[in-house]
Amino acid sequence: MKPNTSGWRVEAAYDFVDHASVDDIAWECLRRNRDYQKDYATLKRRRALGHPMPAELERRWGLRFRRPSTTGRR
């Protein structure tokens, strides 16, 4: 689940930031966090993404999702 960082210098790749909400920016930062990526991969491997987040992870990341997260942008 390593992010593709090859285009980090391409200004157009960050155009979405101009119209992003605080939540969108927070999500961008979180999804790039390697520890979060590991926890997400574990949930995915256990087929637990559609279930409530375990309390331990909820505390660790301070998250509560109303629906499963996605990789797509708005």
N, C-alpha and C. Protein backbone atom coordinates (compact mmCIF):
# COMPACT_ATOMS: atom_id res chain seq x y z
N MET A 1 0.83 -1.17 0.00
CA MET A 1 0.00 0.00 0.00
C MET A 1 0.88 1.24 0.00
N LYS A 2 2.05 1.13 -0.52
CA LYS A 2 2.95 2.27 -0.58
C LYS A 2 2.45 3.27 -1.62
N PRO A 3 2.32 4.54 -1.23
CA PRO A 3 1.81 5.54 -2.18
C PRO A 3 2.81 5.82 -3.29
N ASN A 4 2.31 6.17 -4.45
CA ASN A 4 3.15 6.54 -5.58
C ASN A 4 3.57 7.99 -5.39
N THR A 5 4.85 8.19 -5.14
CA THR A 5 5.35 9.54 -4.89
C THR A 5 6.17 10.08 -6.06
N SER A 6 6.12 9.39 -7.18
CA SER A 6 6.95 9.79 -8.31
C SER A 6 6.59 11.18 -8.87
N GLY A 7 5.35 11.61 -8.72
CA GLY A 7 4.94 12.89 -9.29
C GLY A 7 4.82 14.00 -8.27
N TRP A 8 5.59 13.92 -7.18
CA TRP A 8 5.40 14.90 -6.11
C TRP A 8 5.76 16.32 -6.52
N ARG A 9 6.53 16.48 -7.57
CA ARG A 9 6.89 17.83 -8.02
C ARG A 9 5.92 18.38 -9.06
N VAL A 10 4.95 17.59 -9.46
CA VAL A 10 3.99 18.03 -10.48
C VAL A 10 2.92 18.87 -9.79
N GLU A 11 2.94 20.17 -10.05
CA GLU A 11 2.03 21.09 -9.37
C GLU A 11 0.56 20.72 -9.56
N ALA A 12 0.20 20.25 -10.75
CA ALA A 12 -1.20 19.91 -11.03
C ALA A 12 -1.70 18.77 -10.14
N ALA A 13 -0.79 17.95 -9.64
CA ALA A 13 -1.19 16.85 -8.77
C ALA A 13 -1.77 17.34 -7.45
N TYR A 14 -1.53 18.60 -7.13
CA TYR A 14 -2.01 19.16 -5.86
C TYR A 14 -3.08 20.24 -6.05
N ASP A 15 -3.63 20.33 -7.25
CA ASP A 15 -4.68 21.33 -7.50
C ASP A 15 -5.90 21.14 -6.61
N PHE A 16 -6.17 19.90 -6.22
CA PHE A 16 -7.35 19.63 -5.38
C PHE A 16 -7.25 20.35 -4.03
N VAL A 17 -6.03 20.65 -3.58
CA VAL A 17 -5.84 21.29 -2.27
C VAL A 17 -6.48 22.68 -2.24
N ASP A 18 -6.52 23.34 -3.38
CA ASP A 18 -7.10 24.68 -3.43
C ASP A 18 -8.57 24.70 -3.02
N HIS A 19 -9.25 23.59 -3.20
CA HIS A 19 -10.68 23.51 -2.90
C HIS A 19 -10.99 22.48 -1.83
N ALA A 20 -9.97 21.98 -1.17
CA ALA A 20 -10.15 20.92 -0.17
C ALA A 20 -10.63 21.51 1.16
N SER A 21 -11.43 20.72 1.84
CA SER A 21 -11.87 21.10 3.19
C SER A 21 -10.79 20.65 4.19
N VAL A 22 -10.96 21.05 5.42
CA VAL A 22 -10.04 20.62 6.48
C VAL A 22 -10.06 19.10 6.58
N ASP A 23 -11.25 18.50 6.46
CA ASP A 23 -11.36 17.05 6.52
C ASP A 23 -10.60 16.39 5.38
N ASP A 24 -10.67 16.97 4.20
CA ASP A 24 -9.96 16.42 3.05
C ASP A 24 -8.44 16.46 3.27
N ILE A 25 -7.95 17.57 3.81
CA ILE A 25 -6.52 17.70 4.07
C ILE A 25 -6.09 16.71 5.15
N ALA A 26 -6.90 16.59 6.19
CA ALA A 26 -6.60 15.63 7.26
C ALA A 26 -6.53 14.21 6.71
N TRP A 27 -7.47 13.87 5.83
CA TRP A 27 -7.47 12.54 5.23
C TRP A 27 -6.22 12.31 4.40
N GLU A 28 -5.81 13.31 3.63
CA GLU A 28 -4.60 13.18 2.81
C GLU A 28 -3.39 12.91 3.69
N CYS A 29 -3.29 13.60 4.80
CA CYS A 29 -2.16 13.38 5.72
C CYS A 29 -2.23 12.00 6.35
N LEU A 30 -3.41 11.62 6.80
CA LEU A 30 -3.58 10.33 7.46
C LEU A 30 -3.29 9.17 6.52
N ARG A 31 -3.82 9.21 5.33
CA ARG A 31 -3.66 8.08 4.42
C ARG A 31 -2.22 7.86 3.99
N ARG A 32 -1.38 8.88 4.17
CA ARG A 32 0.04 8.76 3.82
C ARG A 32 0.89 8.26 5.00
N ASN A 33 0.29 8.13 6.16
CA ASN A 33 0.99 7.70 7.36
C ASN A 33 1.21 6.18 7.30
N ARG A 34 2.45 5.74 7.39
CA ARG A 34 2.77 4.31 7.24
C ARG A 34 2.12 3.45 8.32
N ASP A 35 2.06 3.95 9.55
CA ASP A 35 1.42 3.17 10.61
C ASP A 35 -0.06 2.99 10.33
N TYR A 36 -0.70 4.06 9.84
CA TYR A 36 -2.12 3.95 9.47
C TYR A 36 -2.29 2.96 8.31
N GLN A 37 -1.39 3.02 7.34
CA GLN A 37 -1.45 2.11 6.20
C GLN A 37 -1.38 0.65 6.67
N LYS A 38 -0.53 0.38 7.64
CA LYS A 38 -0.40 -0.98 8.18
C LYS A 38 -1.71 -1.41 8.86
N ASP A 39 -2.27 -0.52 9.68
CA ASP A 39 -3.53 -0.84 10.37
C ASP A 39 -4.65 -1.06 9.35
N TYR A 40 -4.71 -0.23 8.33
CA TYR A 40 -5.73 -0.37 7.29
C TYR A 40 -5.56 -1.70 6.56
N ALA A 41 -4.32 -2.05 6.23
CA ALA A 41 -4.05 -3.31 5.52
C ALA A 41 -4.48 -4.50 6.38
N THR A 42 -4.25 -4.41 7.68
CA THR A 42 -4.67 -5.49 8.58
C THR A 42 -6.19 -5.63 8.57
N LEU A 43 -6.92 -4.52 8.65
CA LEU A 43 -8.38 -4.58 8.61
C LEU A 43 -8.85 -5.15 7.27
N LYS A 44 -8.21 -4.74 6.20
CA LYS A 44 -8.60 -5.22 4.87
C LYS A 44 -8.36 -6.72 4.76
N ARG A 45 -7.20 -7.17 5.22
CA ARG A 45 -6.86 -8.59 5.19
C ARG A 45 -7.87 -9.42 5.99
N ARG A 46 -8.35 -8.86 7.08
CA ARG A 46 -9.34 -9.56 7.93
C ARG A 46 -10.77 -9.38 7.43
N ARG A 47 -10.91 -8.68 6.30
CA ARG A 47 -12.22 -8.39 5.72
C ARG A 47 -13.13 -7.67 6.73
N ALA A 48 -12.54 -6.72 7.42
CA ALA A 48 -13.26 -6.00 8.48
C ALA A 48 -13.53 -4.55 8.13
N LEU A 49 -13.33 -4.17 6.87
CA LEU A 49 -13.51 -2.76 6.51
C LEU A 49 -14.97 -2.31 6.59
N GLY A 50 -15.90 -3.20 6.40
CA GLY A 50 -17.32 -2.83 6.45
C GLY A 50 -17.90 -2.87 7.85
N HIS A 51 -17.08 -3.19 8.83
CA HIS A 51 -17.53 -3.30 10.22
C HIS A 51 -17.07 -2.08 11.01
N PRO A 52 -17.65 -1.87 12.18
CA PRO A 52 -17.18 -0.74 13.00
C PRO A 52 -15.69 -0.88 13.30
N MET A 53 -15.00 0.24 13.35
CA MET A 53 -13.57 0.22 13.62
C MET A 53 -13.33 -0.26 15.05
N PRO A 54 -12.37 -1.17 15.24
CA PRO A 54 -12.06 -1.62 16.60
C PRO A 54 -11.71 -0.45 17.51
N ALA A 55 -12.12 -0.53 18.76
CA ALA A 55 -11.92 0.56 19.71
C ALA A 55 -10.46 0.98 19.81
N GLU A 56 -9.54 0.02 19.76
CA GLU A 56 -8.11 0.33 19.85
C GLU A 56 -7.67 1.27 18.71
N LEU A 57 -8.13 0.96 17.49
CA LEU A 57 -7.77 1.80 16.35
C LEU A 57 -8.50 3.13 16.38
N GLU A 58 -9.72 3.10 16.88
CA GLU A 58 -10.49 4.35 17.01
C GLU A 58 -9.74 5.32 17.94
N ARG A 59 -9.22 4.78 19.04
CA ARG A 59 -8.46 5.62 19.98
C ARG A 59 -7.13 6.07 19.36
N ARG A 60 -6.44 5.13 18.68
CA ARG A 60 -5.13 5.44 18.12
C ARG A 60 -5.21 6.56 17.08
N TRP A 61 -6.22 6.49 16.22
CA TRP A 61 -6.30 7.43 15.11
C TRP A 61 -7.34 8.52 15.32
N GLY A 62 -8.16 8.41 16.36
CA GLY A 62 -9.17 9.43 16.62
C GLY A 62 -10.23 9.49 15.54
N LEU A 63 -10.57 8.32 15.00
CA LEU A 63 -11.48 8.26 13.86
C LEU A 63 -12.78 7.55 14.18
N ARG A 64 -13.80 7.99 13.49
CA ARG A 64 -15.10 7.32 13.48
C ARG A 64 -15.69 7.57 12.11
N PHE A 65 -15.78 6.53 11.30
CA PHE A 65 -16.32 6.67 9.96
C PHE A 65 -17.78 6.24 9.92
N ARG A 66 -18.58 6.98 9.19
CA ARG A 66 -19.97 6.61 9.00
C ARG A 66 -20.10 5.53 7.94
N ARG A 67 -19.12 5.44 7.06
CA ARG A 67 -19.12 4.43 6.00
C ARG A 67 -17.66 4.05 5.73
N PRO A 68 -17.43 2.96 5.04
CA PRO A 68 -16.04 2.56 4.76
C PRO A 68 -15.31 3.64 3.97
N SER A 69 -14.02 3.80 4.26
CA SER A 69 -13.23 4.80 3.55
C SER A 69 -12.93 4.33 2.14
N THR A 70 -12.63 5.29 1.28
CA THR A 70 -12.28 4.98 -0.11
C THR A 70 -11.02 5.73 -0.48
N THR A 71 -10.43 5.36 -1.59
CA THR A 71 -9.23 6.04 -2.04
C THR A 71 -9.55 7.16 -3.01
N GLY A 72 -10.80 7.26 -3.45
CA GLY A 72 -11.18 8.29 -4.42
C GLY A 72 -11.32 9.66 -3.81
N ARG A 73 -11.08 10.65 -4.63
CA ARG A 73 -11.26 12.04 -4.16
C ARG A 73 -12.62 12.54 -4.61
N ARG A 74 -13.12 13.52 -3.85
CA ARG A 74 -14.38 14.14 -4.23
C ARG A 74 -14.18 15.05 -5.39
